[in-house]
Amino acid sequence: MSILFAQINTRLRHGLAAVLLTLFLLLPAPVAAEYQDSWMWRLEMDRLTQEALVMKAQTQGQLYRVQKGDTLWGLSRRLGTDLELLAAMNYLAPGDTIYAGQYLRLPVEPDKTYQVRPGDTLWGIARRFDVDVKTLMVANRITKPETLQVGRILTIPGSPWSWAVQTRGSQVARAKEGELYWPVNGPITSPYGPRGKEFHHGLDIAAKKGTPVRAAQAGVVRFSGYKNGYYGNAVEILHDNGLVTVYGHHSKNLVKKGQRVAAGQIIAEVGSTGRATGPHVHFEVWVNGKTVDPLLYLK
């Protein structure tokens, strides 16, 4: 009898938590903020943490097979990880639909946070938590690692990033992080991600006009010419592993369509053709028909 009451009590608590969470989400932001630290919020967070631990065990901390009804948002909640980070790990946008039978790469553990202290460096923090520096930069949208502000809260990804997404009926391009060479050396003037009302699908890397632009990896040129009003003079390269890289705004292209190029080979010269405010390279990486953050791949 006591076991039966315990089971009923557990179900009631979970049901109550779900109802309360729904009501909480419907509250205006100022009102919701007042209750964020209340017992009902903590109860739901405890339940989600338990579910994350269960999921970790079920998936062995690596791959998860999507079930009917799953969403990226729901999985990020159950894992206790950031939605944008989970999407990025799987070459998806946060609002993308996922399908039953699809496999997703998951963090081994929920993400941690760390507040930057005086004397901290990005490299030191990465070593402390055994995380790759570029992974840390991407997770926190950091473009200049030397400008780390004291007091900033950093997200520490819960696992090394392994890139292996499997979808039904499609050949997946596989690549390890740090696989591509930088097309030019220079500061990032505009990172990958939302930019005003638009989405910036690549990196803008500043360099002097005429600076050599180099192929990020060996491959075959599939386009060389003037590419609409945005890219200006551009080059696209299809690489042996299925990745596609795009380079834009050149003053001059130095390769032709169909030509095979080696990693590091000069393919163009920096310019400001197309929609550009100054000399720079617009650099994109495409995987399975979608752009991904180039910082995930650059050495």
C-alpha atoms as a PDB file:
ATOM      1  CA  MET A   1       0.000   0.000   0.000  1.00  0.00           C
ATOM      2  CA  SER A   2       2.803   2.407   0.908  1.00  0.00           C
ATOM      3  CA  ILE A   3       4.465   1.699  -2.451  1.00  0.00           C
ATOM      4  CA  LEU A   4       1.201   2.474  -4.246  1.00  0.00           C
ATOM      5  CA  PHE A   5       0.830   5.793  -2.406  1.00  0.00           C
ATOM      6  CA  ALA A   6       4.454   6.622  -3.168  1.00  0.00           C
ATOM      7  CA  GLN A   7       3.865   6.003  -6.884  1.00  0.00           C
ATOM      8  CA  ILE A   8       0.711   8.125  -6.860  1.00  0.00           C
ATOM      9  CA  ASN A   9       2.519  10.850  -4.956  1.00  0.00           C
ATOM     10  CA  THR A  10       5.362  10.839  -7.489  1.00  0.00           C
ATOM     11  CA  ARG A  11       2.931  11.109 -10.385  1.00  0.00           C
ATOM     12  CA  LEU A  12       1.075  13.935  -8.676  1.00  0.00           C
ATOM     13  CA  ARG A  13       4.316  15.829  -8.082  1.00  0.00           C
ATOM     14  CA  HIS A  14       5.396  15.429 -11.709  1.00  0.00           C
ATOM     15  CA  GLY A  15       1.933  16.391 -12.954  1.00  0.00           C
ATOM     16  CA  LEU A  16       1.850  19.405 -10.675  1.00  0.00           C
ATOM     17  CA  ALA A  17       5.321  20.432 -11.820  1.00  0.00           C
ATOM     18  CA  ALA A  18       4.253  20.266 -15.469  1.00  0.00           C
ATOM     19  CA  VAL A  19       1.128  22.354 -14.808  1.00  0.00           C
ATOM     20  CA  LEU A  20       3.048  24.913 -12.784  1.00  0.00           C
ATOM     21  CA  LEU A  21       5.753  25.195 -15.420  1.00  0.00           C
ATOM     22  CA  THR A  22       3.112  25.811 -18.104  1.00  0.00           C
ATOM     23  CA  LEU A  23       1.504  28.528 -15.979  1.00  0.00           C
ATOM     24  CA  PHE A  24       4.918  30.021 -15.296  1.00  0.00           C
ATOM     25  CA  LEU A  25       5.692  30.280 -19.012  1.00  0.00           C
ATOM     26  CA  LEU A  26       2.386  32.119 -19.571  1.00  0.00           C
ATOM     27  CA  LEU A  27       3.141  34.758 -16.947  1.00  0.00           C
ATOM     28  CA  PRO A  28       4.377  38.216 -17.995  1.00  0.00           C
ATOM     29  CA  ALA A  29       8.160  38.482 -17.724  1.00  0.00           C
ATOM     30  CA  PRO A  30       8.189  40.776 -14.631  1.00  0.00           C
ATOM     31  CA  VAL A  31       5.820  38.476 -12.756  1.00  0.00           C
ATOM     32  CA  ALA A  32       7.645  35.330 -13.829  1.00  0.00           C
ATOM     33  CA  ALA A  33      10.918  36.784 -12.591  1.00  0.00           C
ATOM     34  CA  GLU A  34       9.494  37.093  -9.072  1.00  0.00           C
ATOM     35  CA  TYR A  35       8.792  33.358  -8.954  1.00  0.00           C
ATOM     36  CA  GLN A  36      11.911  32.106 -10.679  1.00  0.00           C
ATOM     37  CA  ASP A  37      13.556  31.138  -7.402  1.00  0.00           C
ATOM     38  CA  SER A  38      10.418  29.689  -5.877  1.00  0.00           C
ATOM     39  CA  TRP A  39       9.997  26.053  -4.835  1.00  0.00           C
ATOM     40  CA  MET A  40       7.952  25.213  -7.943  1.00  0.00           C
ATOM     41  CA  TRP A  41      10.766  26.325 -10.236  1.00  0.00           C
ATOM     42  CA  ARG A  42      13.366  24.369  -8.277  1.00  0.00           C
ATOM     43  CA  LEU A  43      11.137  21.281  -8.330  1.00  0.00           C
ATOM     44  CA  GLU A  44      10.888  21.376 -12.106  1.00  0.00           C
ATOM     45  CA  MET A  45      14.601  22.012 -12.536  1.00  0.00           C
ATOM     46  CA  ASP A  46      15.377  19.013 -10.300  1.00  0.00           C
ATOM     47  CA  ARG A  47      13.131  16.833 -12.433  1.00  0.00           C
ATOM     48  CA  LEU A  48      14.761  18.028 -15.650  1.00  0.00           C
ATOM     49  CA  THR A  49      18.205  17.349 -14.197  1.00  0.00           C
ATOM     50  CA  GLN A  50      17.178  13.781 -13.345  1.00  0.00           C
ATOM     51  CA  GLU A  51      15.873  13.270 -16.872  1.00  0.00           C
ATOM     52  CA  ALA A  52      19.155  14.579 -18.276  1.00  0.00           C
ATOM     53  CA  LEU A  53      21.086  12.019 -16.245  1.00  0.00           C
ATOM     54  CA  VAL A  54      18.794   9.243 -17.463  1.00  0.00           C
ATOM     55  CA  MET A  55      19.214  10.355 -21.053  1.00  0.00           C
ATOM     56  CA  LYS A  56      22.985  10.465 -20.603  1.00  0.00           C
ATOM     57  CA  ALA A  57      22.984   6.824 -19.529  1.00  0.00           C
ATOM     58  CA  GLN A  58      20.611   5.747 -22.311  1.00  0.00           C
ATOM     59  CA  THR A  59      22.643   7.391 -25.059  1.00  0.00           C
ATOM     60  CA  GLN A  60      26.058   6.520 -23.593  1.00  0.00           C
ATOM     61  CA  GLY A  61      26.786  10.209 -23.731  1.00  0.00           C
ATOM     62  CA  GLN A  62      27.351  10.273 -27.491  1.00  0.00           C
ATOM     63  CA  LEU A  63      24.568   9.617 -29.990  1.00  0.00           C
ATOM     64  CA  TYR A  64      20.826   9.920 -29.439  1.00  0.00           C
ATOM     65  CA  ARG A  65      18.235   8.514 -31.825  1.00  0.00           C
ATOM     66  CA  VAL A  66      15.405  11.004 -32.234  1.00  0.00           C
ATOM     67  CA  GLN A  67      12.016   9.748 -31.063  1.00  0.00           C
ATOM     68  CA  LYS A  68       8.603  10.731 -32.403  1.00  0.00           C
ATOM     69  CA  GLY A  69       7.607  14.081 -30.921  1.00  0.00           C
ATOM     70  CA  ASP A  70      11.162  15.180 -30.079  1.00  0.00           C
ATOM     71  CA  THR A  71      12.212  18.761 -30.784  1.00  0.00           C
ATOM     72  CA  LEU A  72      15.578  20.469 -30.464  1.00  0.00           C
ATOM     73  CA  TRP A  73      14.119  22.782 -27.835  1.00  0.00           C
ATOM     74  CA  GLY A  74      12.717  19.875 -25.836  1.00  0.00           C
ATOM     75  CA  LEU A  75      15.978  17.932 -25.986  1.00  0.00           C
ATOM     76  CA  SER A  76      18.007  20.962 -24.929  1.00  0.00           C
ATOM     77  CA  ARG A  77      15.716  21.350 -21.908  1.00  0.00           C
ATOM     78  CA  ARG A  78      15.970  17.682 -20.963  1.00  0.00           C
ATOM     79  CA  LEU A  79      19.744  17.754 -21.341  1.00  0.00           C
ATOM     80  CA  GLY A  80      20.129  21.021 -19.490  1.00  0.00           C
ATOM     81  CA  THR A  81      22.194  22.424 -22.361  1.00  0.00           C
ATOM     82  CA  ASP A  82      21.944  25.515 -24.548  1.00  0.00           C
ATOM     83  CA  LEU A  83      19.599  25.226 -27.550  1.00  0.00           C
ATOM     84  CA  GLU A  84      21.920  27.076 -29.926  1.00  0.00           C
ATOM     85  CA  LEU A  85      24.876  24.945 -28.868  1.00  0.00           C
ATOM     86  CA  LEU A  86      22.958  21.687 -29.403  1.00  0.00           C
ATOM     87  CA  ALA A  87      21.839  22.893 -32.830  1.00  0.00           C
ATOM     88  CA  ALA A  88      25.367  23.956 -33.801  1.00  0.00           C
ATOM     89  CA  MET A  89      26.801  20.588 -32.767  1.00  0.00           C
ATOM     90  CA  ASN A  90      24.502  18.996 -35.341  1.00  0.00           C
ATOM     91  CA  TYR A  91      24.798  21.579 -38.154  1.00  0.00           C
ATOM     92  CA  LEU A  92      21.229  22.741 -37.526  1.00  0.00           C
ATOM     93  CA  ALA A  93      19.486  26.027 -36.817  1.00  0.00           C
ATOM     94  CA  PRO A  94      17.645  26.259 -33.462  1.00  0.00           C
ATOM     95  CA  GLY A  95      14.270  26.284 -35.227  1.00  0.00           C
ATOM     96  CA  ASP A  96      14.941  23.316 -37.522  1.00  0.00           C
ATOM     97  CA  THR A  97      12.640  20.284 -37.424  1.00  0.00           C
ATOM     98  CA  ILE A  98      14.160  16.944 -36.405  1.00  0.00           C
ATOM     99  CA  TYR A  99      12.723  13.578 -37.417  1.00  0.00           C
ATOM    100  CA  ALA A 100      12.221  10.206 -35.755  1.00  0.00           C
ATOM    101  CA  GLY A 101      15.141   7.925 -36.569  1.00  0.00           C
ATOM    102  CA  GLN A 102      17.602  10.768 -37.043  1.00  0.00           C
ATOM    103  CA  TYR A 103      20.733  10.681 -34.868  1.00  0.00           C
ATOM    104  CA  LEU A 104      21.969  13.694 -32.922  1.00  0.00           C
ATOM    105  CA  ARG A 105      25.286  14.295 -31.214  1.00  0.00           C
ATOM    106  CA  LEU A 106      24.774  15.198 -27.552  1.00  0.00           C
ATOM    107  CA  PRO A 107      27.069  16.591 -24.859  1.00  0.00           C
ATOM    108  CA  VAL A 108      28.294  13.965 -22.402  1.00  0.00           C
ATOM    109  CA  GLU A 109      27.287  16.203 -19.502  1.00  0.00           C
ATOM    110  CA  PRO A 110      25.144  19.310 -19.066  1.00  0.00           C
ATOM    111  CA  ASP A 111      27.076  22.500 -19.741  1.00  0.00           C
ATOM    112  CA  LYS A 112      28.737  24.338 -16.886  1.00  0.00           C
ATOM    113  CA  THR A 113      29.222  28.049 -16.366  1.00  0.00           C
ATOM    114  CA  TYR A 114      32.283  29.912 -15.202  1.00  0.00           C
ATOM    115  CA  GLN A 115      32.682  33.557 -14.198  1.00  0.00           C
ATOM    116  CA  VAL A 116      35.868  35.139 -15.502  1.00  0.00           C
ATOM    117  CA  ARG A 117      38.246  36.289 -12.758  1.00  0.00           C
ATOM    118  CA  PRO A 118      41.147  38.759 -12.812  1.00  0.00           C
ATOM    119  CA  GLY A 119      44.162  37.156 -14.466  1.00  0.00           C
ATOM    120  CA  ASP A 120      42.116  34.553 -16.372  1.00  0.00           C
ATOM    121  CA  THR A 121      42.864  33.844 -20.007  1.00  0.00           C
ATOM    122  CA  LEU A 122      40.781  31.875 -22.468  1.00  0.00           C
ATOM    123  CA  TRP A 123      43.602  29.366 -22.867  1.00  0.00           C
ATOM    124  CA  GLY A 124      43.899  28.904 -19.100  1.00  0.00           C
ATOM    125  CA  ILE A 125      40.147  28.359 -18.714  1.00  0.00           C
ATOM    126  CA  ALA A 126      40.164  25.873 -21.611  1.00  0.00           C
ATOM    127  CA  ARG A 127      42.976  23.893 -19.964  1.00  0.00           C
ATOM    128  CA  ARG A 128      41.228  23.969 -16.584  1.00  0.00           C
ATOM    129  CA  PHE A 129      38.057  22.421 -17.996  1.00  0.00           C
ATOM    130  CA  ASP A 130      39.777  20.249 -20.636  1.00  0.00           C
ATOM    131  CA  VAL A 131      37.995  22.001 -23.506  1.00  0.00           C
ATOM    132  CA  ASP A 132      39.410  23.038 -26.870  1.00  0.00           C
ATOM    133  CA  VAL A 133      39.956  26.812 -27.108  1.00  0.00           C
ATOM    134  CA  LYS A 134      38.057  27.126 -30.393  1.00  0.00           C
ATOM    135  CA  THR A 135      35.145  25.141 -28.949  1.00  0.00           C
ATOM    136  CA  LEU A 136      35.054  27.580 -26.039  1.00  0.00           C
ATOM    137  CA  MET A 137      35.151  30.537 -28.436  1.00  0.00           C
ATOM    138  CA  VAL A 138      32.277  29.205 -30.534  1.00  0.00           C
ATOM    139  CA  ALA A 139      30.122  28.336 -27.518  1.00  0.00           C
ATOM    140  CA  ASN A 140      30.478  31.898 -26.226  1.00  0.00           C
ATOM    141  CA  ARG A 141      30.614  33.773 -29.561  1.00  0.00           C
ATOM    142  CA  ILE A 142      34.097  35.093 -28.822  1.00  0.00           C
ATOM    143  CA  THR A 143      35.970  36.466 -31.842  1.00  0.00           C
ATOM    144  CA  LYS A 144      38.937  38.040 -30.039  1.00  0.00           C
ATOM    145  CA  PRO A 145      40.210  35.736 -27.271  1.00  0.00           C
ATOM    146  CA  GLU A 146      42.517  38.393 -25.880  1.00  0.00           C
ATOM    147  CA  THR A 147      39.560  40.632 -24.915  1.00  0.00           C
ATOM    148  CA  LEU A 148      38.138  38.516 -22.099  1.00  0.00           C
ATOM    149  CA  GLN A 149      36.210  40.694 -19.644  1.00  0.00           C
ATOM    150  CA  VAL A 150      36.388  40.072 -15.895  1.00  0.00           C
ATOM    151  CA  GLY A 151      32.975  39.067 -14.552  1.00  0.00           C
ATOM    152  CA  ARG A 152      31.711  37.601 -17.820  1.00  0.00           C
ATOM    153  CA  ILE A 153      29.838  34.311 -17.473  1.00  0.00           C
ATOM    154  CA  LEU A 154      31.192  31.703 -19.882  1.00  0.00           C
ATOM    155  CA  THR A 155      29.452  28.530 -21.011  1.00  0.00           C
ATOM    156  CA  ILE A 156      31.725  25.495 -20.666  1.00  0.00           C
ATOM    157  CA  PRO A 157      30.513  22.811 -23.134  1.00  0.00           C
ATOM    158  CA  GLY A 158      29.902  19.492 -21.425  1.00  0.00           C
ATOM    159  CA  SER A 159      31.924  17.379 -23.838  1.00  0.00           C
ATOM    160  CA  PRO A 160      34.468  17.547 -26.645  1.00  0.00           C
ATOM    161  CA  TRP A 161      32.759  18.261 -29.928  1.00  0.00           C
ATOM    162  CA  SER A 162      32.491  15.195 -32.150  1.00  0.00           C
ATOM    163  CA  TRP A 163      31.009  15.877 -35.548  1.00  0.00           C
ATOM    164  CA  ALA A 164      29.062  12.901 -36.877  1.00  0.00           C
ATOM    165  CA  VAL A 165      25.415  13.528 -37.686  1.00  0.00           C
ATOM    166  CA  GLN A 166      23.562  10.710 -39.428  1.00  0.00           C
ATOM    167  CA  THR A 167      20.321  11.338 -41.320  1.00  0.00           C
ATOM    168  CA  ARG A 168      18.185   8.966 -43.327  1.00  0.00           C
ATOM    169  CA  GLY A 169      18.915   8.641 -47.029  1.00  0.00           C
ATOM    170  CA  SER A 170      21.761  11.133 -47.192  1.00  0.00           C
ATOM    171  CA  GLN A 171      25.511  10.929 -47.339  1.00  0.00           C
ATOM    172  CA  VAL A 172      26.946  12.950 -44.499  1.00  0.00           C
ATOM    173  CA  ALA A 173      30.045  15.072 -44.809  1.00  0.00           C
ATOM    174  CA  ARG A 174      32.337  14.257 -41.899  1.00  0.00           C
ATOM    175  CA  ALA A 175      35.128  16.455 -40.644  1.00  0.00           C
ATOM    176  CA  LYS A 176      37.132  16.959 -37.519  1.00  0.00           C
ATOM    177  CA  GLU A 177      37.394  20.378 -35.950  1.00  0.00           C
ATOM    178  CA  GLY A 178      40.592  22.200 -36.854  1.00  0.00           C
ATOM    179  CA  GLU A 179      40.631  20.666 -40.339  1.00  0.00           C
ATOM    180  CA  LEU A 180      40.665  23.816 -42.487  1.00  0.00           C
ATOM    181  CA  TYR A 181      43.371  26.415 -42.996  1.00  0.00           C
ATOM    182  CA  TRP A 182      42.539  30.111 -42.671  1.00  0.00           C
ATOM    183  CA  PRO A 183      42.114  31.673 -46.127  1.00  0.00           C
ATOM    184  CA  VAL A 184      43.921  34.833 -44.926  1.00  0.00           C
ATOM    185  CA  ASN A 185      45.475  36.013 -41.703  1.00  0.00           C
ATOM    186  CA  GLY A 186      43.585  38.884 -40.131  1.00  0.00           C
ATOM    187  CA  PRO A 187      41.023  39.953 -37.534  1.00  0.00           C
ATOM    188  CA  ILE A 188      37.426  38.761 -37.709  1.00  0.00           C
ATOM    189  CA  THR A 189      35.349  41.859 -38.363  1.00  0.00           C
ATOM    190  CA  SER A 190      31.994  40.084 -38.487  1.00  0.00           C
ATOM    191  CA  PRO A 191      31.364  36.587 -37.019  1.00  0.00           C
ATOM    192  CA  TYR A 192      28.951  33.875 -38.136  1.00  0.00           C
ATOM    193  CA  GLY A 193      25.420  34.364 -36.827  1.00  0.00           C
ATOM    194  CA  PRO A 194      22.627  36.949 -36.536  1.00  0.00           C
ATOM    195  CA  ARG A 195      23.588  40.428 -37.723  1.00  0.00           C
ATOM    196  CA  GLY A 196      20.825  42.963 -37.299  1.00  0.00           C
ATOM    197  CA  LYS A 197      17.791  41.704 -39.194  1.00  0.00           C
ATOM    198  CA  GLU A 198      19.898  39.339 -41.304  1.00  0.00           C
ATOM    199  CA  PHE A 199      21.839  36.146 -40.672  1.00  0.00           C
ATOM    200  CA  HIS A 200      25.516  36.301 -41.555  1.00  0.00           C
ATOM    201  CA  HIS A 201      26.408  32.902 -43.017  1.00  0.00           C
ATOM    202  CA  GLY A 202      30.182  33.212 -42.807  1.00  0.00           C
ATOM    203  CA  LEU A 203      33.174  34.999 -41.311  1.00  0.00           C
ATOM    204  CA  ASP A 204      34.452  38.351 -42.528  1.00  0.00           C
ATOM    205  CA  ILE A 205      38.246  38.409 -42.195  1.00  0.00           C
ATOM    206  CA  ALA A 206      39.925  41.757 -42.814  1.00  0.00           C
ATOM    207  CA  ALA A 207      43.093  42.014 -44.897  1.00  0.00           C
ATOM    208  CA  LYS A 208      44.775  44.503 -47.217  1.00  0.00           C
ATOM    209  CA  LYS A 209      43.659  44.675 -50.830  1.00  0.00           C
ATOM    210  CA  GLY A 210      45.722  42.287 -52.936  1.00  0.00           C
ATOM    211  CA  THR A 211      46.551  39.917 -50.068  1.00  0.00           C
ATOM    212  CA  PRO A 212      46.634  36.304 -51.355  1.00  0.00           C
ATOM    213  CA  VAL A 213      43.534  34.242 -50.522  1.00  0.00           C
ATOM    214  CA  ARG A 214      44.357  30.570 -50.005  1.00  0.00           C
ATOM    215  CA  ALA A 215      42.294  27.376 -50.310  1.00  0.00           C
ATOM    216  CA  ALA A 216      41.303  26.104 -46.883  1.00  0.00           C
ATOM    217  CA  GLN A 217      41.694  22.498 -48.027  1.00  0.00           C
ATOM    218  CA  ALA A 218      42.399  20.516 -51.194  1.00  0.00           C
ATOM    219  CA  GLY A 219      39.495  20.159 -53.593  1.00  0.00           C
ATOM    220  CA  VAL A 220      37.987  21.039 -56.961  1.00  0.00           C
ATOM    221  CA  VAL A 221      36.815  24.540 -57.904  1.00  0.00           C
ATOM    222  CA  ARG A 222      33.116  24.323 -58.715  1.00  0.00           C
ATOM    223  CA  PHE A 223      32.596  28.064 -59.270  1.00  0.00           C
ATOM    224  CA  SER A 224      34.855  30.991 -60.078  1.00  0.00           C
ATOM    225  CA  GLY A 225      33.365  34.276 -61.201  1.00  0.00           C
ATOM    226  CA  TYR A 226      31.098  37.118 -60.166  1.00  0.00           C
ATOM    227  CA  LYS A 227      28.450  35.748 -57.783  1.00  0.00           C
ATOM    228  CA  ASN A 228      25.395  38.055 -57.521  1.00  0.00           C
ATOM    229  CA  GLY A 229      25.601  41.482 -55.913  1.00  0.00           C
ATOM    230  CA  TYR A 230      26.529  40.235 -52.459  1.00  0.00           C
ATOM    231  CA  TYR A 231      29.630  38.060 -52.925  1.00  0.00           C
ATOM    232  CA  GLY A 232      31.212  39.945 -55.791  1.00  0.00           C
ATOM    233  CA  ASN A 233      34.132  37.991 -57.241  1.00  0.00           C
ATOM    234  CA  ALA A 234      33.898  34.611 -55.525  1.00  0.00           C
ATOM    235  CA  VAL A 235      35.307  31.091 -55.545  1.00  0.00           C
ATOM    236  CA  GLU A 236      33.592  27.889 -54.389  1.00  0.00           C
ATOM    237  CA  ILE A 237      35.570  24.714 -53.695  1.00  0.00           C
ATOM    238  CA  LEU A 238      34.144  21.210 -53.256  1.00  0.00           C
ATOM    239  CA  HIS A 239      36.421  19.211 -50.968  1.00  0.00           C
ATOM    240  CA  ASP A 240      37.008  15.463 -50.951  1.00  0.00           C
ATOM    241  CA  ASN A 241      35.098  14.948 -47.679  1.00  0.00           C
ATOM    242  CA  GLY A 242      31.968  16.683 -49.004  1.00  0.00           C
ATOM    243  CA  LEU A 243      32.551  20.074 -47.424  1.00  0.00           C
ATOM    244  CA  VAL A 244      32.137  23.170 -49.565  1.00  0.00           C
ATOM    245  CA  THR A 245      33.993  26.407 -48.857  1.00  0.00           C
ATOM    246  CA  VAL A 246      33.080  29.790 -50.335  1.00  0.00           C
ATOM    247  CA  TYR A 247      35.361  32.835 -50.580  1.00  0.00           C
ATOM    248  CA  GLY A 248      33.984  36.246 -51.557  1.00  0.00           C
ATOM    249  CA  HIS A 249      34.650  39.952 -52.339  1.00  0.00           C
ATOM    250  CA  HIS A 250      37.918  39.295 -54.221  1.00  0.00           C
ATOM    251  CA  SER A 251      39.589  41.928 -56.347  1.00  0.00           C
ATOM    252  CA  LYS A 252      40.692  39.117 -58.662  1.00  0.00           C
ATOM    253  CA  ASN A 253      40.092  35.355 -58.944  1.00  0.00           C
ATOM    254  CA  LEU A 254      43.135  33.266 -59.876  1.00  0.00           C
ATOM    255  CA  VAL A 255      41.549  29.831 -60.478  1.00  0.00           C
ATOM    256  CA  LYS A 256      39.010  28.422 -62.936  1.00  0.00           C
ATOM    257  CA  LYS A 257      36.001  26.137 -62.606  1.00  0.00           C
ATOM    258  CA  GLY A 258      37.032  22.469 -62.676  1.00  0.00           C
ATOM    259  CA  GLN A 259      40.594  23.179 -61.548  1.00  0.00           C
ATOM    260  CA  ARG A 260      41.987  21.050 -58.726  1.00  0.00           C
ATOM    261  CA  VAL A 261      43.678  23.036 -55.955  1.00  0.00           C
ATOM    262  CA  ALA A 262      45.893  22.043 -53.040  1.00  0.00           C
ATOM    263  CA  ALA A 263      45.426  23.110 -49.437  1.00  0.00           C
ATOM    264  CA  GLY A 264      46.996  26.536 -49.019  1.00  0.00           C
ATOM    265  CA  GLN A 265      47.155  27.237 -52.761  1.00  0.00           C
ATOM    266  CA  ILE A 266      46.525  30.872 -53.738  1.00  0.00           C
ATOM    267  CA  ILE A 267      43.105  31.107 -55.375  1.00  0.00           C
ATOM    268  CA  ALA A 268      42.379  34.856 -55.355  1.00  0.00           C
ATOM    269  CA  GLU A 269      43.364  38.301 -54.074  1.00  0.00           C
ATOM    270  CA  VAL A 270      41.557  40.216 -51.330  1.00  0.00           C
ATOM    271  CA  GLY A 271      39.231  42.982 -52.483  1.00  0.00           C
ATOM    272  CA  SER A 272      35.893  44.635 -51.774  1.00  0.00           C
ATOM    273  CA  THR A 273      33.727  43.678 -54.753  1.00  0.00           C
ATOM    274  CA  GLY A 274      30.034  43.029 -54.195  1.00  0.00           C
ATOM    275  CA  ARG A 275      28.404  44.204 -50.978  1.00  0.00           C
ATOM    276  CA  ALA A 276      31.469  45.075 -48.921  1.00  0.00           C
ATOM    277  CA  THR A 277      32.468  48.076 -46.823  1.00  0.00           C
ATOM    278  CA  GLY A 278      36.209  47.485 -47.129  1.00  0.00           C
ATOM    279  CA  PRO A 279      38.766  44.901 -48.240  1.00  0.00           C
ATOM    280  CA  HIS A 280      38.141  41.542 -46.580  1.00  0.00           C
ATOM    281  CA  VAL A 281      37.360  37.892 -47.295  1.00  0.00           C
ATOM    282  CA  HIS A 282      33.859  36.581 -46.694  1.00  0.00           C
ATOM    283  CA  PHE A 283      34.430  32.892 -45.866  1.00  0.00           C
ATOM    284  CA  GLU A 284      31.691  30.249 -45.638  1.00  0.00           C
ATOM    285  CA  VAL A 285      31.652  26.519 -44.853  1.00  0.00           C
ATOM    286  CA  TRP A 286      28.753  24.386 -46.116  1.00  0.00           C
ATOM    287  CA  VAL A 287      27.781  20.923 -44.833  1.00  0.00           C
ATOM    288  CA  ASN A 288      24.896  18.995 -46.418  1.00  0.00           C
ATOM    289  CA  GLY A 289      23.497  22.120 -48.037  1.00  0.00           C
ATOM    290  CA  LYS A 290      23.633  24.307 -44.917  1.00  0.00           C
ATOM    291  CA  THR A 291      26.155  26.809 -43.658  1.00  0.00           C
ATOM    292  CA  VAL A 292      27.958  26.158 -40.372  1.00  0.00           C
ATOM    293  CA  ASP A 293      30.225  28.341 -38.269  1.00  0.00           C
ATOM    294  CA  PRO A 294      33.666  28.215 -39.931  1.00  0.00           C
ATOM    295  CA  LEU A 295      35.354  28.575 -36.535  1.00  0.00           C
ATOM    296  CA  LEU A 296      34.333  24.983 -35.836  1.00  0.00           C
ATOM    297  CA  TYR A 297      36.679  23.818 -38.589  1.00  0.00           C
ATOM    298  CA  LEU A 298      39.506  26.324 -38.823  1.00  0.00           C
ATOM    299  CA  LYS A 299      42.921  25.433 -37.434  1.00  0.00           C
END
